[in-house]
Amino acid sequence: MTHINIADKDKLMSELRTVISDAEELLLMTAGQVGEQAEGIRERVTARLNQATAELHQLQHAAVAQVKAAGHATDEYVHEKPWQSVGIAAGVGLVIGLLISRR
C-alpha cells in the first residue's frame, strides 16, 4: 500500500463504511425478491461486502500501527534529545504565533 496520510485514511474508512452500510440496506430491501438472478446478485454483493469489511479492518489496523510507530519514534527522539525538542517546539510555536498575528 502506498503512503497515505492519516486524514486520507480516515476519510477513506468513513466512505467505505457508508458504502458497506448502503449495500447491506439494499440487500435487506431485496431479500424478498425471488429468482435465480436476484439470488446470484445477492450472493456476489454479500461476498464483496465481506471482502470490503475485511479490507476496512486491515486498513484500520494499519493506520493504528502507523500512528503508534510515529508516537514511539517521537517519544524516543524527545527522550534522546530533550533540548532540541524544546527548541523545535518553541520554533513551531513562534511560527504559528506569527501566522495568527497577521490576521
Protein backbone atom coordinates (compact mmCIF):
# COMPACT_ATOMS: atom_id res chain seq x y z
CA MET A 1 0.00 0.00 0.00
CA THR A 2 1.32 3.45 -0.78
CA HIS A 3 1.93 6.01 1.92
CA ILE A 4 -1.36 7.76 2.64
CA ASN A 5 -1.68 10.35 5.38
CA ILE A 6 -3.96 9.78 8.35
CA ALA A 7 -6.67 12.23 7.23
CA ASP A 8 -6.97 10.46 3.87
CA LYS A 9 -7.19 7.08 5.61
CA ASP A 10 -9.90 8.35 7.94
CA LYS A 11 -11.88 9.75 5.01
CA LEU A 12 -11.47 6.52 3.05
CA MET A 13 -12.58 4.40 6.01
CA SER A 14 -15.61 6.63 6.56
CA GLU A 15 -16.63 6.39 2.90
CA LEU A 16 -16.11 2.63 2.88
CA ARG A 17 -18.29 2.27 5.98
CA THR A 18 -21.02 4.26 4.23
CA VAL A 19 -20.83 2.09 1.12
CA ILE A 20 -20.99 -1.08 3.22
CA SER A 21 -23.97 0.23 5.16
CA ASP A 22 -25.81 1.20 1.98
CA ALA A 23 -25.12 -2.16 0.37
CA GLU A 24 -26.34 -4.03 3.45
CA GLU A 25 -29.53 -1.96 3.41
CA LEU A 26 -30.01 -2.74 -0.28
CA LEU A 27 -29.58 -6.44 0.40
CA LEU A 28 -32.23 -6.30 3.12
CA MET A 29 -34.63 -4.43 0.82
CA THR A 30 -34.26 -7.03 -1.96
CA ALA A 31 -34.36 -10.07 0.32
CA GLY A 32 -37.99 -10.75 -0.59
CA GLN A 33 -37.31 -10.89 -4.30
CA VAL A 34 -37.02 -14.36 -5.71
CA GLY A 35 -35.37 -15.64 -8.80
CA GLU A 36 -32.10 -17.10 -9.86
CA GLN A 37 -30.64 -13.77 -10.96
CA ALA A 38 -31.64 -11.95 -7.76
CA GLU A 39 -30.13 -14.70 -5.62
CA GLY A 40 -26.91 -14.67 -7.63
CA ILE A 41 -26.59 -10.92 -7.32
CA ARG A 42 -27.22 -11.07 -3.56
CA GLU A 43 -24.52 -13.74 -3.16
CA ARG A 44 -21.97 -11.69 -5.13
CA VAL A 45 -22.79 -8.50 -3.23
CA THR A 46 -22.57 -10.34 0.09
CA ALA A 47 -19.18 -11.77 -0.84
CA ARG A 48 -17.91 -8.36 -1.91
CA LEU A 49 -19.27 -6.78 1.30
CA ASN A 50 -17.43 -9.36 3.37
CA GLN A 51 -14.23 -8.64 1.43
CA ALA A 52 -14.67 -4.87 1.81
CA THR A 53 -15.29 -5.25 5.54
CA ALA A 54 -12.14 -7.32 5.92
CA GLU A 55 -10.12 -4.75 3.96
CA LEU A 56 -11.56 -1.97 6.11
CA HIS A 57 -10.41 -3.76 9.25
CA GLN A 58 -6.94 -4.25 7.75
CA LEU A 59 -6.77 -0.57 6.85
CA GLN A 60 -7.80 0.41 10.38
CA HIS A 61 -5.15 -1.84 11.90
CA ALA A 62 -2.51 -0.44 9.54
CA ALA A 63 -3.47 3.14 10.42
CA VAL A 64 -3.34 2.41 14.15
CA ALA A 65 0.03 0.69 13.79
CA GLN A 66 1.43 3.63 11.81
CA VAL A 67 0.22 6.15 14.40
CA LYS A 68 1.67 4.07 17.24
CA ALA A 69 5.01 3.78 15.45
CA ALA A 70 5.13 7.53 14.89
CA GLY A 71 4.28 8.12 18.54
CA HIS A 72 7.01 5.77 19.72
CA ALA A 73 9.56 7.36 17.39
CA THR A 74 8.62 10.82 18.64
CA ASP A 75 8.82 9.67 22.26
CA GLU A 76 12.28 8.18 21.72
CA TYR A 77 13.51 11.32 19.96
CA VAL A 78 12.26 13.57 22.76
CA HIS A 79 13.91 11.39 25.39
CA GLU A 80 17.21 11.24 23.47
CA LYS A 81 17.33 14.95 22.58
CA PRO A 82 15.16 16.93 25.01
CA TRP A 83 16.71 20.36 24.37
CA GLN A 84 16.43 20.02 20.61
CA SER A 85 12.79 19.02 21.08
CA VAL A 86 12.16 22.10 23.22
CA GLY A 87 13.83 24.28 20.58
CA ILE A 88 11.77 22.76 17.78
CA ALA A 89 8.55 23.21 19.78
CA ALA A 90 9.45 26.85 20.52
CA GLY A 91 10.19 27.48 16.84
CA VAL A 92 6.92 25.95 15.73
CA GLY A 93 5.07 27.97 18.36
CA LEU A 94 6.77 31.16 17.15
CA VAL A 95 5.82 30.48 13.53
CA ILE A 96 2.22 29.71 14.48
CA GLY A 97 2.10 32.87 16.61
CA LEU A 98 3.40 34.98 13.72
CA LEU A 99 0.86 33.48 11.33
CA ILE A 100 -2.00 34.09 13.74
CA SER A 101 -0.95 37.68 14.46
CA ARG A 102 -1.09 38.53 10.74
CA ARG A 103 -4.84 38.11 10.71
